[in-house]
C-alpha atoms as a PDB file:
ATOM      1  CA  MET A   1     156.147  92.739 141.221  1.00  0.00           C
ATOM      2  CA  PHE A   2     154.365  93.276 144.280  1.00  0.00           C
ATOM      3  CA  LYS A   3     150.845  92.994 142.641  1.00  0.00           C
ATOM      4  CA  PHE A   4     149.878  90.266 145.357  1.00  0.00           C
ATOM      5  CA  VAL A   5     150.285  93.122 147.901  1.00  0.00           C
ATOM      6  CA  LYS A   6     146.830  94.158 149.678  1.00  0.00           C
ATOM      7  CA  ALA A   7     146.282  97.289 152.199  1.00  0.00           C
ATOM      8  CA  LYS A   8     144.253  96.016 153.790  1.00  0.00           C
ATOM      9  CA  SER A   9     146.677  93.031 154.601  1.00  0.00           C
ATOM     10  CA  CYS A  10     149.777  95.499 156.064  1.00  0.00           C
ATOM     11  CA  ILE A  11     147.325  97.535 157.752  1.00  0.00           C
ATOM     12  CA  ILE A  12     146.102  94.529 159.912  1.00  0.00           C
ATOM     13  CA  ILE A  13     150.010  93.723 160.489  1.00  0.00           C
ATOM     14  CA  SER A  14     150.923  96.999 161.736  1.00  0.00           C
ATOM     15  CA  LEU A  15     148.465  97.170 163.885  1.00  0.00           C
ATOM     16  CA  SER A  16     148.855  93.604 164.888  1.00  0.00           C
ATOM     17  CA  CYS A  17     153.034  94.500 164.838  1.00  0.00           C
ATOM     18  CA  ILE A  18     151.980  97.650 167.155  1.00  0.00           C
ATOM     19  CA  PHE A  19     150.044  96.062 169.726  1.00  0.00           C
ATOM     20  CA  MET A  20     152.450  93.494 170.454  1.00  0.00           C
ATOM     21  CA  ALA A  21     155.601  95.782 170.709  1.00  0.00           C
ATOM     22  CA  PHE A  22     153.841  97.119 173.143  1.00  0.00           C
ATOM     23  CA  GLY A  23     152.808  94.482 175.383  1.00  0.00           C
ATOM     24  CA  ILE A  24     156.273  92.406 174.573  1.00  0.00           C
ATOM     25  CA  TYR A  25     158.303  95.815 176.457  1.00  0.00           C
ATOM     26  CA  ASN A  26     155.369  96.514 178.593  1.00  0.00           C
ATOM     27  CA  VAL A  27     154.605  93.821 179.789  1.00  0.00           C
ATOM     28  CA  HIS A  28     157.649  90.555 179.270  1.00  0.00           C
ATOM     29  CA  SER A  29     161.057  93.055 179.107  1.00  0.00           C
ATOM     30  CA  LEU A  30     159.303  94.175 182.653  1.00  0.00           C
ATOM     31  CA  SER A  31     158.369  90.660 184.198  1.00  0.00           C
ATOM     32  CA  GLY A  32     160.880  88.250 182.904  1.00  0.00           C
ATOM     33  CA  VAL A  33     157.707  86.160 181.505  1.00  0.00           C
ATOM     34  CA  THR A  34     159.473  84.517 178.349  1.00  0.00           C
ATOM     35  CA  GLU A  35     158.781  82.457 175.051  1.00  0.00           C
ATOM     36  CA  GLY A  36     159.517  79.276 173.907  1.00  0.00           C
ATOM     37  CA  GLY A  37     160.110  78.419 170.546  1.00  0.00           C
ATOM     38  CA  VAL A  38     163.246  79.905 168.586  1.00  0.00           C
ATOM     39  CA  LEU A  39     164.327  82.729 171.374  1.00  0.00           C
ATOM     40  CA  GLY A  40     164.644  79.553 174.082  1.00  0.00           C
ATOM     41  CA  ALA A  41     165.859  77.322 172.050  1.00  0.00           C
ATOM     42  CA  THR A  42     168.997  79.610 171.529  1.00  0.00           C
ATOM     43  CA  LEU A  43     169.159  80.174 175.042  1.00  0.00           C
ATOM     44  CA  LEU A  44     169.202  76.486 175.505  1.00  0.00           C
ATOM     45  CA  LEU A  45     171.680  75.840 172.854  1.00  0.00           C
ATOM     46  CA  ASP A  46     174.014  78.827 174.303  1.00  0.00           C
ATOM     47  CA  ASN A  47     173.295  76.801 178.716  1.00  0.00           C
ATOM     48  CA  TRP A  48     174.676  73.247 176.964  1.00  0.00           C
ATOM     49  CA  LEU A  49     176.862  74.192 174.032  1.00  0.00           C
ATOM     50  CA  GLY A  50     177.980  77.491 174.592  1.00  0.00           C
ATOM     51  CA  LEU A  51     176.886  78.361 171.112  1.00  0.00           C
ATOM     52  CA  SER A  52     176.114  82.525 171.734  1.00  0.00           C
ATOM     53  CA  PRO A  53     172.807  83.566 170.621  1.00  0.00           C
ATOM     54  CA  ALA A  54     174.134  85.965 168.313  1.00  0.00           C
ATOM     55  CA  ILE A  55     174.943  83.159 165.797  1.00  0.00           C
ATOM     56  CA  SER A  56     171.964  80.648 166.919  1.00  0.00           C
ATOM     57  CA  THR A  57     169.613  83.313 166.250  1.00  0.00           C
ATOM     58  CA  ILE A  58     170.604  83.827 162.547  1.00  0.00           C
ATOM     59  CA  VAL A  59     170.749  80.344 161.849  1.00  0.00           C
ATOM     60  CA  LEU A  60     167.619  79.312 163.067  1.00  0.00           C
ATOM     61  CA  ASN A  61     165.780  81.677 161.677  1.00  0.00           C
ATOM     62  CA  ILE A  62     166.939  81.302 157.966  1.00  0.00           C
ATOM     63  CA  ILE A  63     166.190  77.747 158.471  1.00  0.00           C
ATOM     64  CA  CYS A  64     162.526  78.583 159.089  1.00  0.00           C
ATOM     65  CA  TYR A  65     161.837  81.387 157.230  1.00  0.00           C
ATOM     66  CA  PHE A  66     163.513  78.834 153.998  1.00  0.00           C
ATOM     67  CA  VAL A  67     161.371  76.503 154.889  1.00  0.00           C
ATOM     68  CA  GLY A  68     158.307  79.081 155.285  1.00  0.00           C
ATOM     69  CA  TRP A  69     159.093  80.382 151.433  1.00  0.00           C
ATOM     70  CA  LYS A  70     159.499  77.024 150.250  1.00  0.00           C
ATOM     71  CA  VAL A  71     155.684  76.189 152.031  1.00  0.00           C
ATOM     72  CA  LEU A  72     154.584  79.255 151.945  1.00  0.00           C
ATOM     73  CA  GLY A  73     155.454  81.297 149.084  1.00  0.00           C
ATOM     74  CA  LYS A  74     156.446  84.801 147.975  1.00  0.00           C
ATOM     75  CA  GLU A  75     153.924  86.573 149.957  1.00  0.00           C
ATOM     76  CA  PHE A  76     154.468  85.456 153.214  1.00  0.00           C
ATOM     77  CA  LEU A  77     158.103  86.374 152.171  1.00  0.00           C
ATOM     78  CA  PHE A  78     157.226  90.130 151.712  1.00  0.00           C
ATOM     79  CA  TYR A  79     154.620  90.094 154.843  1.00  0.00           C
ATOM     80  CA  SER A  80     156.951  89.181 156.752  1.00  0.00           C
ATOM     81  CA  GLY A  81     159.992  91.022 155.953  1.00  0.00           C
ATOM     82  CA  PHE A  82     157.261  94.348 156.065  1.00  0.00           C
ATOM     83  CA  GLY A  83     156.119  92.523 159.788  1.00  0.00           C
ATOM     84  CA  THR A  84     159.754  92.763 161.042  1.00  0.00           C
ATOM     85  CA  ILE A  85     160.257  96.510 160.228  1.00  0.00           C
ATOM     86  CA  VAL A  86     157.303  97.776 161.566  1.00  0.00           C
ATOM     87  CA  TYR A  87     157.692  95.594 164.973  1.00  0.00           C
ATOM     88  CA  SER A  88     161.318  96.494 165.482  1.00  0.00           C
ATOM     89  CA  VAL A  89     160.357 100.573 164.701  1.00  0.00           C
ATOM     90  CA  SER A  90     157.109 100.084 166.904  1.00  0.00           C
ATOM     91  CA  TYR A  91     159.312  98.320 169.968  1.00  0.00           C
ATOM     92  CA  GLY A  92     162.328 101.145 169.511  1.00  0.00           C
ATOM     93  CA  VAL A  93     159.501 103.755 170.134  1.00  0.00           C
ATOM     94  CA  PHE A  94     158.114 101.696 173.557  1.00  0.00           C
ATOM     95  CA  GLU A  95     161.848 101.585 174.652  1.00  0.00           C
ATOM     96  CA  MET A  96     162.235 106.175 174.504  1.00  0.00           C
ATOM     97  CA  ILE A  97     158.230 106.488 176.060  1.00  0.00           C
ATOM     98  CA  GLY A  98     159.749 104.321 178.658  1.00  0.00           C
ATOM     99  CA  PRO A  99     157.612 101.481 180.857  1.00  0.00           C
ATOM    100  CA  VAL A 100     153.974 101.984 180.756  1.00  0.00           C
ATOM    101  CA  PHE A 101     153.184  99.861 183.487  1.00  0.00           C
ATOM    102  CA  PRO A 102     156.266  99.804 185.974  1.00  0.00           C
ATOM    103  CA  GLY A 103     154.336  97.647 188.531  1.00  0.00           C
ATOM    104  CA  ILE A 104     154.053  94.524 186.872  1.00  0.00           C
ATOM    105  CA  ALA A 105     157.083  93.596 187.066  1.00  0.00           C
ATOM    106  CA  ASN A 106     156.085  92.738 190.168  1.00  0.00           C
ATOM    107  CA  LEU A 107     152.770  90.325 189.200  1.00  0.00           C
ATOM    108  CA  PRO A 108     153.943  87.391 187.529  1.00  0.00           C
ATOM    109  CA  LEU A 109     150.911  85.706 186.919  1.00  0.00           C
ATOM    110  CA  VAL A 110     149.369  89.129 185.665  1.00  0.00           C
ATOM    111  CA  ALA A 111     152.013  88.959 183.315  1.00  0.00           C
ATOM    112  CA  ALA A 112     151.442  85.661 182.419  1.00  0.00           C
ATOM    113  CA  LEU A 113     147.674  86.559 181.509  1.00  0.00           C
ATOM    114  CA  VAL A 114     147.923  90.133 180.162  1.00  0.00           C
ATOM    115  CA  GLY A 115     150.806  89.101 177.844  1.00  0.00           C
ATOM    116  CA  ALA A 116     149.590  85.838 176.837  1.00  0.00           C
ATOM    117  CA  ILE A 117     146.681  88.263 175.034  1.00  0.00           C
ATOM    118  CA  PHE A 118     149.561  90.869 173.606  1.00  0.00           C
ATOM    119  CA  VAL A 119     151.026  88.180 171.894  1.00  0.00           C
ATOM    120  CA  GLY A 120     147.984  86.045 171.393  1.00  0.00           C
ATOM    121  CA  VAL A 121     146.075  88.520 169.181  1.00  0.00           C
ATOM    122  CA  GLY A 122     148.993  90.914 167.516  1.00  0.00           C
ATOM    123  CA  ALA A 123     150.163  87.282 166.434  1.00  0.00           C
ATOM    124  CA  GLY A 124     147.468  85.873 165.788  1.00  0.00           C
ATOM    125  CA  PHE A 125     146.226  88.039 163.043  1.00  0.00           C
ATOM    126  CA  CYS A 126     149.861  88.676 161.680  1.00  0.00           C
ATOM    127  CA  VAL A 127     149.563  84.616 161.024  1.00  0.00           C
ATOM    128  CA  ARG A 128     146.368  85.700 159.843  1.00  0.00           C
ATOM    129  CA  GLU A 129     147.703  87.487 156.810  1.00  0.00           C
ATOM    130  CA  GLN A 130     150.532  85.038 156.253  1.00  0.00           C
ATOM    131  CA  CYS A 131     153.299  87.225 158.339  1.00  0.00           C
ATOM    132  CA  ALA A 132     155.701  85.761 160.735  1.00  0.00           C
ATOM    133  CA  LEU A 133     157.332  87.659 163.378  1.00  0.00           C
ATOM    134  CA  GLY A 134     159.745  85.080 164.186  1.00  0.00           C
ATOM    135  CA  GLY A 135     161.415  81.427 163.370  1.00  0.00           C
ATOM    136  CA  ASP A 136     159.474  79.157 164.944  1.00  0.00           C
ATOM    137  CA  ASP A 137     155.862  81.604 163.554  1.00  0.00           C
ATOM    138  CA  ALA A 138     156.760  80.532 160.211  1.00  0.00           C
ATOM    139  CA  LEU A 139     157.894  76.809 160.857  1.00  0.00           C
ATOM    140  CA  ALA A 140     154.125  76.224 162.640  1.00  0.00           C
ATOM    141  CA  MET A 141     152.656  78.404 159.748  1.00  0.00           C
ATOM    142  CA  ALA A 142     154.272  76.007 157.306  1.00  0.00           C
ATOM    143  CA  ILE A 143     154.300  72.127 158.822  1.00  0.00           C
ATOM    144  CA  SER A 144     150.753  73.349 159.961  1.00  0.00           C
ATOM    145  CA  LYS A 145     149.664  73.816 155.912  1.00  0.00           C
ATOM    146  CA  LEU A 146     151.569  70.819 155.430  1.00  0.00           C
ATOM    147  CA  THR A 147     150.093  68.485 157.593  1.00  0.00           C
ATOM    148  CA  LYS A 148     146.363  70.509 157.948  1.00  0.00           C
ATOM    149  CA  ILE A 149     147.462  70.386 161.872  1.00  0.00           C
ATOM    150  CA  ARG A 150     145.760  73.610 163.910  1.00  0.00           C
ATOM    151  CA  ILE A 151     148.355  75.410 164.462  1.00  0.00           C
ATOM    152  CA  GLN A 152     147.954  76.510 168.257  1.00  0.00           C
ATOM    153  CA  TRP A 153     148.526  72.625 168.690  1.00  0.00           C
ATOM    154  CA  LEU A 154     152.031  73.053 166.897  1.00  0.00           C
ATOM    155  CA  TYR A 155     152.612  76.335 169.016  1.00  0.00           C
ATOM    156  CA  LEU A 156     151.915  74.091 172.263  1.00  0.00           C
ATOM    157  CA  VAL A 157     153.965  71.868 171.111  1.00  0.00           C
ATOM    158  CA  SER A 158     157.385  72.977 170.392  1.00  0.00           C
ATOM    159  CA  ASP A 159     156.695  75.934 172.984  1.00  0.00           C
ATOM    160  CA  LEU A 160     155.613  72.895 176.726  1.00  0.00           C
ATOM    161  CA  THR A 161     158.767  71.245 174.542  1.00  0.00           C
ATOM    162  CA  VAL A 162     161.348  74.317 174.589  1.00  0.00           C
ATOM    163  CA  LEU A 163     160.083  75.842 177.970  1.00  0.00           C
ATOM    164  CA  LEU A 164     160.622  72.184 179.512  1.00  0.00           C
ATOM    165  CA  LEU A 165     164.333  71.901 178.691  1.00  0.00           C
ATOM    166  CA  SER A 166     164.944  74.679 179.916  1.00  0.00           C
ATOM    167  CA  LEU A 167     164.186  73.230 183.853  1.00  0.00           C
ATOM    168  CA  THR A 168     167.543  72.575 183.126  1.00  0.00           C
ATOM    169  CA  TYR A 169     168.837  75.717 184.062  1.00  0.00           C
ATOM    170  CA  ILE A 170     165.963  77.885 185.049  1.00  0.00           C
ATOM    171  CA  PRO A 171     163.623  77.535 187.963  1.00  0.00           C
ATOM    172  CA  LEU A 172     160.116  75.605 188.074  1.00  0.00           C
ATOM    173  CA  SER A 173     159.107  78.958 189.887  1.00  0.00           C
ATOM    174  CA  LYS A 174     160.088  81.024 187.178  1.00  0.00           C
ATOM    175  CA  ILE A 175     159.330  78.833 184.218  1.00  0.00           C
ATOM    176  CA  VAL A 176     155.572  77.229 185.641  1.00  0.00           C
ATOM    177  CA  TYR A 177     154.653  81.439 184.486  1.00  0.00           C
ATOM    178  CA  SER A 178     156.374  81.302 180.944  1.00  0.00           C
ATOM    179  CA  VAL A 179     154.101  77.859 180.715  1.00  0.00           C
ATOM    180  CA  LEU A 180     150.970  79.281 181.080  1.00  0.00           C
ATOM    181  CA  THR A 181     151.777  82.480 178.933  1.00  0.00           C
ATOM    182  CA  VAL A 182     152.423  80.512 175.755  1.00  0.00           C
ATOM    183  CA  ILE A 183     149.312  78.074 176.479  1.00  0.00           C
ATOM    184  CA  ILE A 184     146.869  80.845 176.255  1.00  0.00           C
ATOM    185  CA  SER A 185     148.786  82.238 174.182  1.00  0.00           C
ATOM    186  CA  GLY A 186     148.669  79.951 171.206  1.00  0.00           C
ATOM    187  CA  GLN A 187     145.220  79.016 171.716  1.00  0.00           C
ATOM    188  CA  ILE A 188     144.197  82.689 170.894  1.00  0.00           C
ATOM    189  CA  ILE A 189     146.757  82.773 168.072  1.00  0.00           C
ATOM    190  CA  GLY A 190     144.906  79.911 166.492  1.00  0.00           C
ATOM    191  CA  PHE A 191     141.166  80.793 167.563  1.00  0.00           C
ATOM    192  CA  ILE A 192     142.217  84.045 165.012  1.00  0.00           C
ATOM    193  CA  GLU A 193     144.002  82.394 162.535  1.00  0.00           C
ATOM    194  CA  ARG A 194     141.377  79.525 162.352  1.00  0.00           C
ATOM    195  CA  PHE A 195     137.965  81.819 162.692  1.00  0.00           C
ATOM    196  CA  GLY A 196     139.797  84.125 159.436  1.00  0.00           C
ATOM    197  CA  LYS A 197     139.752  80.713 157.507  1.00  0.00           C
ATOM    198  CA  LYS A 198     135.673  80.368 158.258  1.00  0.00           C
ATOM    199  CA  GLU A 199     135.366  83.446 156.837  1.00  0.00           C
ATOM    200  CA  GLU A 200     137.359  83.589 154.549  1.00  0.00           C
ATOM    201  CA  THR A 201     136.015  80.234 153.133  1.00  0.00           C
ATOM    202  CA  LYS A 202     132.357  81.660 153.479  1.00  0.00           C
ATOM    203  CA  ASN A 203     132.576  84.565 151.004  1.00  0.00           C
ATOM    204  CA  GLN A 204     134.271  81.996 148.231  1.00  0.00           C
ATOM    205  CA  ASN A 205     131.347  79.985 148.855  1.00  0.00           C
ATOM    206  CA  LYS A 206     128.906  83.267 148.395  1.00  0.00           C
ATOM    207  CA  GLU A 207     131.006  84.757 145.486  1.00  0.00           C
ATOM    208  CA  LYS A 208     131.003  80.705 143.481  1.00  0.00           C
ATOM    209  CA  VAL A 209     127.065  81.199 144.043  1.00  0.00           C
END
């Protein structure tokens, strides 16, 4: 039933999720630098329509993961579920340990840059292994496969759209750091995902020869 599961992919996903969980807890949660995507969309719906994120998060993620499953298949569902569990457990462990960089809360620019690296690298390697830790990742991966548009541009458009709409209730001074984060993290994700495809294509060509 799970013959498609690769030990190498599970190891890469595990390390990536742990890396990203460390960054999200020790940088994003302390500094207040936020993301776009589904998280930002749920906050928008709450502010505009009074729809609780407890409901909108589930609905939006289900829709996105359904699209991802239809386009990317059962491997995507398995690896995404596996990654989500590893990420959640890792985040819980880091919560018990406590903040490693408490002073970063007063350095929003540093937090934006460092946070982008944690998110970009962590999510980048997950995407490369067909794992989505959020609905926006699943949707971007599916659309990228269908349209052949590079995934970093899909992240950029969706995240910037949500963040710009968020200006209706969040001060510009806070949004600007989030914009910087999503631009950098999206480019890192795209680079890692594209690099993986190039290496895979080279290996396949060698096998054919």
